[in-house]
Structures are given as structure tokens and as C-alpha cells.
Protein backbone atom coordinates (compact mmCIF):
# COMPACT_ATOMS: atom_id res chain seq x y z
CA MET A 1 0.00 0.00 0.00
CA LEU A 2 2.82 2.42 0.92
CA SER A 3 4.78 1.66 -2.23
CA SER A 4 1.67 2.22 -4.35
CA ALA A 5 1.12 5.61 -2.72
CA ARG A 6 4.73 6.58 -3.31
CA THR A 7 4.48 5.50 -6.93
CA ALA A 8 1.30 7.52 -7.43
CA ALA A 9 2.84 10.58 -5.79
CA ALA A 10 5.96 10.31 -7.92
CA SER A 11 3.85 9.93 -11.07
CA GLY A 12 1.79 12.97 -10.14
CA LEU A 13 4.92 15.03 -9.45
CA LEU A 14 6.45 13.99 -12.78
CA LEU A 15 3.24 14.91 -14.60
CA LEU A 16 3.24 18.30 -12.86
CA PHE A 17 6.72 19.15 -14.11
CA ALA A 18 6.14 17.71 -17.57
CA SER A 19 2.90 19.58 -18.25
CA PRO A 20 2.90 23.29 -18.98
CA ALA A 21 1.52 25.56 -16.30
CA PRO A 22 -2.11 26.52 -16.92
CA ALA A 23 -2.87 30.12 -17.78
CA LEU A 24 -4.22 32.02 -14.78
CA ALA A 25 -6.92 34.66 -15.08
CA THR A 26 -4.57 37.37 -13.81
CA GLU A 27 -1.96 36.47 -16.43
CA ALA A 28 -4.08 37.45 -19.41
CA ALA A 29 -3.19 40.64 -21.25
CA ARG A 30 -5.45 43.68 -21.34
CA PRO A 31 -7.44 44.36 -24.53
CA PHE A 32 -5.25 46.04 -27.11
CA GLU A 33 -5.93 49.63 -28.08
CA ALA A 34 -5.25 50.11 -31.77
CA PRO A 35 -4.26 53.50 -33.25
CA GLN A 36 -7.24 55.76 -33.89
CA ASP A 37 -5.79 57.11 -37.12
CA ARG A 38 -7.13 55.14 -40.07
CA SER A 39 -3.83 54.96 -41.95
CA SER A 40 -1.95 53.84 -38.81
CA PHE A 41 -4.59 51.19 -38.15
CA GLN A 42 -4.26 49.86 -41.69
CA ARG A 43 -0.47 49.64 -41.28
CA ALA A 44 -0.82 47.74 -38.01
CA LEU A 45 -3.41 45.46 -39.61
CA ARG A 46 -1.08 44.73 -42.52
CA CYS A 47 1.87 43.83 -40.28
CA LEU A 48 -0.16 41.67 -37.91
CA THR A 49 -1.82 39.86 -40.82
CA GLU A 50 1.59 39.13 -42.31
CA ALA A 51 2.79 37.68 -39.00
CA ILE A 52 -0.25 35.42 -38.73
CA TYR A 53 -0.13 34.35 -42.38
CA TYR A 54 3.57 33.54 -42.64
CA GLU A 55 4.06 32.19 -39.11
CA ALA A 56 0.86 30.14 -38.61
CA ARG A 57 -0.90 29.79 -41.96
CA SER A 58 -1.32 26.02 -41.51
CA GLU A 59 -2.50 26.31 -37.88
CA SER A 60 -6.05 26.36 -36.58
CA GLU A 61 -7.76 29.62 -35.63
CA ASP A 62 -6.60 29.16 -32.03
CA GLY A 63 -3.02 28.72 -33.23
CA GLN A 64 -3.23 31.89 -35.29
CA ARG A 65 -4.85 33.86 -32.47
CA ALA A 66 -2.01 32.72 -30.21
CA VAL A 67 0.65 34.12 -32.57
CA ALA A 68 -1.25 37.42 -32.82
CA GLN A 69 -1.44 37.65 -29.04
CA VAL A 70 2.33 37.25 -28.67
CA VAL A 71 2.88 40.14 -31.09
CA LEU A 72 0.53 42.39 -29.13
CA ASN A 73 2.12 41.31 -25.83
CA ARG A 74 5.48 42.49 -27.13
CA VAL A 75 4.02 45.85 -28.13
CA ARG A 76 3.00 46.34 -24.49
CA HIS A 77 6.39 45.31 -23.05
CA PRO A 78 9.17 47.95 -22.80
CA SER A 79 11.79 45.51 -24.12
CA TYR A 80 10.27 45.70 -27.60
CA PRO A 81 9.17 48.42 -30.03
CA ALA A 82 5.89 50.14 -29.18
CA SER A 83 4.18 49.44 -32.50
CA VAL A 84 2.91 46.36 -34.28
CA CYS A 85 5.08 46.85 -37.37
CA GLY A 86 8.07 47.65 -35.18
CA VAL A 87 7.67 44.33 -33.34
CA VAL A 88 7.05 42.26 -36.47
CA TYR A 89 10.02 43.69 -38.39
CA GLN A 90 12.39 43.99 -35.44
CA GLY A 91 15.93 43.05 -36.49
CA SER A 92 15.02 42.50 -40.14
CA GLU A 93 17.37 45.27 -41.29
CA ARG A 94 20.34 43.14 -40.23
CA ARG A 95 21.63 39.98 -41.84
CA THR A 96 20.89 38.01 -38.69
CA GLY A 97 18.76 38.70 -35.65
CA CYS A 98 15.26 39.11 -37.08
CA GLN A 99 12.63 38.23 -34.49
CA PHE A 100 10.26 36.72 -37.06
CA SER A 101 12.11 34.68 -39.67
CA PHE A 102 9.73 35.42 -42.53
CA THR A 103 10.89 39.07 -42.56
CA CYS A 104 14.46 38.17 -43.56
CA ASP A 105 14.51 34.69 -45.12
CA GLY A 106 12.87 35.56 -48.44
CA SER A 107 9.41 34.14 -47.66
CA MET A 108 7.68 37.39 -48.53
CA ALA A 109 9.31 37.54 -51.97
CA ARG A 110 7.00 34.76 -53.14
CA GLY A 111 3.93 36.82 -52.28
CA VAL A 112 0.55 35.61 -51.04
CA SER A 113 -0.27 32.30 -52.71
CA ASP A 114 -3.37 31.42 -50.66
CA SER A 115 -5.96 34.18 -50.69
CA ALA A 116 -8.35 32.27 -48.43
CA SER A 117 -5.69 31.88 -45.73
CA TRP A 118 -4.80 35.56 -46.05
CA SER A 119 -8.44 36.57 -45.57
CA ARG A 120 -8.70 34.42 -42.45
CA ALA A 121 -5.47 35.86 -41.05
CA GLU A 122 -6.71 39.40 -41.73
CA ARG A 123 -9.97 38.67 -39.94
CA ILE A 124 -8.16 37.33 -36.87
CA ALA A 125 -5.77 40.29 -36.89
CA THR A 126 -8.67 42.76 -37.04
CA SER A 127 -10.34 41.10 -34.07
CA ALA A 128 -7.12 41.20 -32.03
CA LEU A 129 -6.48 44.87 -32.80
CA ARG A 130 -10.03 45.74 -31.76
CA GLY A 131 -9.57 44.24 -28.28
CA SER A 132 -10.03 40.47 -28.55
CA VAL A 133 -7.71 38.68 -26.07
CA PHE A 134 -6.62 35.06 -26.47
CA ARG A 135 -6.27 34.15 -22.81
CA PRO A 136 -4.58 30.70 -23.10
CA VAL A 137 -1.35 32.39 -24.26
CA GLY A 138 -1.34 34.66 -21.20
CA LEU A 139 1.68 36.97 -21.13
CA SER A 140 3.92 34.86 -23.37
CA LEU A 141 6.59 36.75 -25.28
CA ASN A 142 8.27 33.90 -27.18
CA TYR A 143 7.32 30.77 -29.09
CA HIS A 144 8.81 28.22 -31.46
CA THR A 145 7.63 25.18 -33.36
CA THR A 146 7.73 21.74 -31.79
CA ALA A 147 10.16 20.59 -34.49
CA ILE A 148 13.06 22.67 -33.17
CA ARG A 149 14.67 23.45 -29.83
CA PRO A 150 16.36 26.87 -29.81
CA TYR A 151 19.20 27.69 -27.42
CA TRP A 152 17.12 30.24 -25.46
CA ALA A 153 14.28 27.85 -24.61
CA PRO A 154 15.76 26.50 -21.31
CA SER A 155 16.12 30.03 -19.93
CA LEU A 156 12.37 30.75 -20.23
CA ILE A 157 9.26 29.34 -18.56
CA ARG A 158 7.23 27.01 -20.71
CA HIS A 159 3.64 28.21 -20.59
CA THR A 160 1.50 26.19 -22.99
CA VAL A 161 1.40 24.29 -26.29
CA ILE A 162 -1.09 25.25 -28.98
CA GLY A 163 -0.97 23.34 -32.23
CA ALA A 164 2.60 23.15 -33.51
CA HIS A 165 3.91 25.99 -31.30
CA ILE A 166 5.28 26.05 -27.75
CA PHE A 167 4.81 29.37 -25.91
CA TYR A 168 7.09 30.74 -23.19
CA ARG A 169 6.98 33.41 -20.51
CA HIS A 170 10.03 35.27 -19.27
CA PRO A 171 10.85 34.63 -15.58
CA ARG A 172 11.32 38.36 -14.89
CA ALA A 173 8.49 39.60 -17.05
CA GLY A 174 5.67 37.29 -16.07
CA THR A 175 3.38 39.73 -14.27
CA LEU A 176 0.87 42.12 -15.72
CA ALA A 177 2.67 45.07 -14.09
CA SER A 178 5.61 44.54 -16.46
CA PHE A 179 3.46 45.25 -19.51
CA GLN A 180 3.13 49.00 -19.05
CA GLN A 181 4.36 50.30 -22.38
CA THR A 182 1.87 52.52 -24.20
CA PRO A 183 1.61 51.73 -27.92
CA ASP A 184 2.63 54.53 -30.27
CA THR A 185 -0.18 56.49 -31.85
CA ALA A 186 1.63 56.64 -35.21
CA GLU A 187 2.28 53.23 -36.72
CA PRO A 188 5.35 53.04 -39.02
CA ALA A 189 5.02 51.70 -42.53
CA PRO A 190 5.57 47.96 -43.00
CA GLY A 191 9.11 47.09 -44.01
CA ARG A 192 12.63 46.59 -42.75
CA GLN A 193 12.92 50.16 -41.45
CA ALA A 194 9.81 49.88 -39.27
CA SER A 195 11.70 49.19 -36.04
CA VAL A 196 14.73 51.35 -36.92
CA ASN A 197 12.49 54.43 -36.98
CA LEU A 198 11.69 53.84 -33.34
CA VAL A 199 15.29 54.07 -32.11
CA ALA A 200 15.08 57.85 -31.73
CA ARG A 201 11.90 57.57 -29.69
CA ALA A 202 11.86 59.73 -26.55
CA PRO A 203 12.80 57.86 -23.34
CA ARG A 204 9.88 56.71 -21.27
CA ALA A 205 9.21 57.26 -17.60
CA ALA A 206 11.18 55.32 -15.00
CA ALA A 207 8.06 53.40 -13.97
CA THR A 208 7.84 51.75 -17.39
CA ARG A 209 11.47 50.68 -17.61
CA THR A 210 12.48 47.08 -18.06
CA PRO A 211 12.57 45.03 -14.84
CA PRO A 212 16.08 44.49 -13.43
CA GLY A 213 17.94 41.56 -14.92
CA PHE A 214 15.96 41.44 -18.15
CA GLN A 215 18.09 42.42 -21.13
CA PRO A 216 15.98 44.09 -23.83
CA ALA A 217 16.43 43.42 -27.51
CA ARG A 218 17.70 46.73 -28.84
CA ILE A 219 18.04 47.95 -32.38
CA GLU A 220 21.17 50.02 -32.77
CA ARG A 221 23.24 51.08 -35.73
CA ALA A 222 26.96 50.90 -35.18
CA ILE A 223 28.97 53.83 -36.53
CA VAL A 224 32.38 52.66 -37.67
CA GLU A 225 34.99 55.39 -38.06
CA ARG A 226 37.72 54.42 -40.48
CA ALA A 227 41.17 55.81 -39.96
CA GLN A 228 42.29 58.32 -42.57
CA LEU A 229 45.60 57.23 -44.09
CA GLU A 230 47.98 59.91 -45.33
CA ARG A 231 49.05 59.51 -48.93
CA TYR A 232 52.69 59.95 -49.85
CA GLU A 233 53.76 60.60 -53.45
CA VAL A 234 57.20 59.43 -54.49
CA GLU A 235 59.07 61.89 -56.72
CA ARG A 236 60.81 60.33 -59.71
CA PRO A 237 64.14 61.79 -60.95
CA THR A 238 63.93 64.09 -63.95
CA PHE A 239 66.49 65.41 -66.45
CA GLN A 240 66.57 68.27 -68.92
CA HIS A 241 65.99 67.25 -72.52
CA PRO A 242 68.27 68.93 -75.11
CA THR A 243 65.19 70.50 -76.72
CA GLY A 244 64.16 72.04 -73.42
CA ARG A 245 61.46 69.51 -72.44
CA THR A 246 61.50 68.05 -68.98
CA THR A 247 60.94 64.32 -69.05
CA ARG A 248 60.92 61.68 -66.41
CA GLN A 249 63.87 59.36 -66.33
CA ARG A 250 62.88 55.75 -66.70
CA PRO A 251 64.91 53.23 -64.74
CA ALA A 252 67.14 50.99 -66.80
CA ARG A 253 65.76 47.54 -67.36
CA ALA A 254 67.93 44.87 -65.82
CA SER A 255 67.35 42.27 -68.48
CA ALA A 256 69.50 40.14 -70.66
CA GLN A 257 68.28 41.91 -73.80
CA SER A 258 69.77 45.29 -72.74
CA GLN A 259 73.28 43.83 -72.26
CA PRO A 260 75.70 43.80 -75.31
CA ARG A 261 76.39 40.42 -76.76
CA THR A 262 80.00 39.15 -76.65
CA PRO A 263 81.35 36.36 -78.86
CA GLN A 264 81.91 33.16 -76.99
CA THR A 265 85.31 31.44 -77.51
CA SER A 266 85.83 27.80 -76.95
CA THR A 267 89.03 26.56 -75.23
CA THR A 268 88.52 22.97 -76.33
CA PRO A 269 91.16 21.96 -78.98
CA VAL A 270 89.78 21.02 -82.36
CA ASN A 271 90.96 17.71 -83.82
CA ARG A 272 91.50 18.33 -87.53
CA GLY A 273 93.10 14.92 -88.31
CA PRO A 274 96.78 13.96 -89.22
CA ARG A 275 99.06 16.40 -91.13
CA THR A 276 101.43 15.19 -93.86
CA THR A 277 104.77 16.73 -94.84
CA ILE A 278 107.60 15.75 -97.29
CA GLU A 279 110.98 15.42 -95.71
CA ASN A 280 113.97 14.44 -97.90
CA GLY A 281 111.62 13.25 -100.60
CA VAL A 282 109.62 11.08 -98.15
CA ARG A 283 105.95 11.80 -97.21
CA VAL A 284 105.64 11.85 -93.37
CA ALA A 285 102.24 11.90 -91.49
CA ARG A 286 102.21 13.73 -88.11
CA GLY A 287 99.44 13.85 -85.57
CA SER A 288 96.55 11.48 -84.97
């Protein structure tokens, strides 16, 4: 009986750690307040629709609403840009570091191939911008597909699994008080410069700063100053031409063609054969 109780307790404890923590009522985000300006609203709608379409096109409506909620959660957190387009295109102006891979891996170059999926994503994005909250995601700021395991996953708190995505909360940004950032009233245009335009934004109040220990993802442009090298010009020797012109003296070529040719003499004796002479009326052959 005791061993059975211990086994049941151990199984329950293992199941507790293996299952994601349920979303509490106090962990849900507040309804999002979209920009009142019509053009800014259309820009936010475009960026959020793109995020839903390219990140969760094959997911159910709940899976797409979950992705939209993460984007809006980031807009409310001071570690991220204060606009929908700024969050979606964050880091896309660099070669690496884009927060949403579809903004820098060439996925958008192929265009929208499924108009029905785009219409559904646009409908879900409109509902989220007008205040619809998907509570199961809670205050999650990160997610990834179940097919991969990124290096940053162990440092976050696993919150829930919806479809093919696992959602995470940050250990130091898991309370509603951390999401105090007010969204910008002017939404930047969709594109790679959407988040760069927000770098010069005025600093916010101390109460809305990032909690201690949480490193924000910043967008900064490094200014590289290159050293100016002084140029030195080498003067070549000149001479006065008989006609009065000044010309530059060309260095003599050290080649075999410029040297005078000298006849080569051979020291090896030449064998011309035996010589014959007549001595006292007798022919005599000398030599070999």
C-alpha cells in the first residue's frame, strides 16, 4: 500500500513538471488599443496579418490567435518596439537577428499564394487589434515550433502548447505590471525600417522601464569610423631634354636583352686529323 502511494505521488509530481503551467486569469493581457488614425490602423493590420499568415498559416484559428497575441504582448512590453510593425520587423534590417524569420529569409518575396488563408489571417488580426484577447497564451513573449529546440528555450518558462507551437513566458516579465508600455499612436510603414524608426523615440518614464535583470532586444546602428591614411607621393628623378622639355627618367631595365652580346670562344682543342709533310723526298704523317 505504501509503495503504491509513493508511486502515485511520484507519477503525479512527474506529470506536474512535464505539463505546462495553466494560464491564470490574472496572467491574461489587457485588450489592445489600436491606433485611432485610419492609416496607422491599416499599417498595423497589414503587419499583424503578415505575422499570422507567414508564421501560422497552416495552424487552426486558435493557433493563429495565439501568434497574434504574442505580437501584441510584445508591443506592451518595454523591451520591444511600441508598435505592431516595429515588433514584427524587429531586427530584419540586419543579416541576422530578425525576431520573425519570414521578414528576412525571403518568404515574402513569393507573395501571397493562398488568398483564403490571407483573408482568415486578416480577420483574426482585425479582431485582435479591436480588443479580442486570447487568454490561453497569457503573457507569453516567445514561441517556437515543436520541431526545433532553440538555445534560449531552457532560460524561459514554458507556458502552454497550442498546435505546432510552444509558448514561453520570461521569468522576470511574467506579471501584468511589467506590460506597461503605451503603444505609439503613429504606426510606421511595414518594411525593414519599421523598427529602426523607433530608435530615436523619446525615453519613457522610470516606472515603465524594463525590470532588473531582463536584457531588452535593442536595435542600434553601429557607426564605424575608419582611420584616414595619409598619402605619400614618391618623386621620380627628372632630367633636362636637349630640346628644353623636362621628361621623367625611366629606370634601366635589368634584363639580358639590354646587355651587349659578346662572342663566346671555346678553349677545347679542335681535332683536324693527321698532317702530312715531305721530308727528304719522303711523305711523313704527323698527328693522330
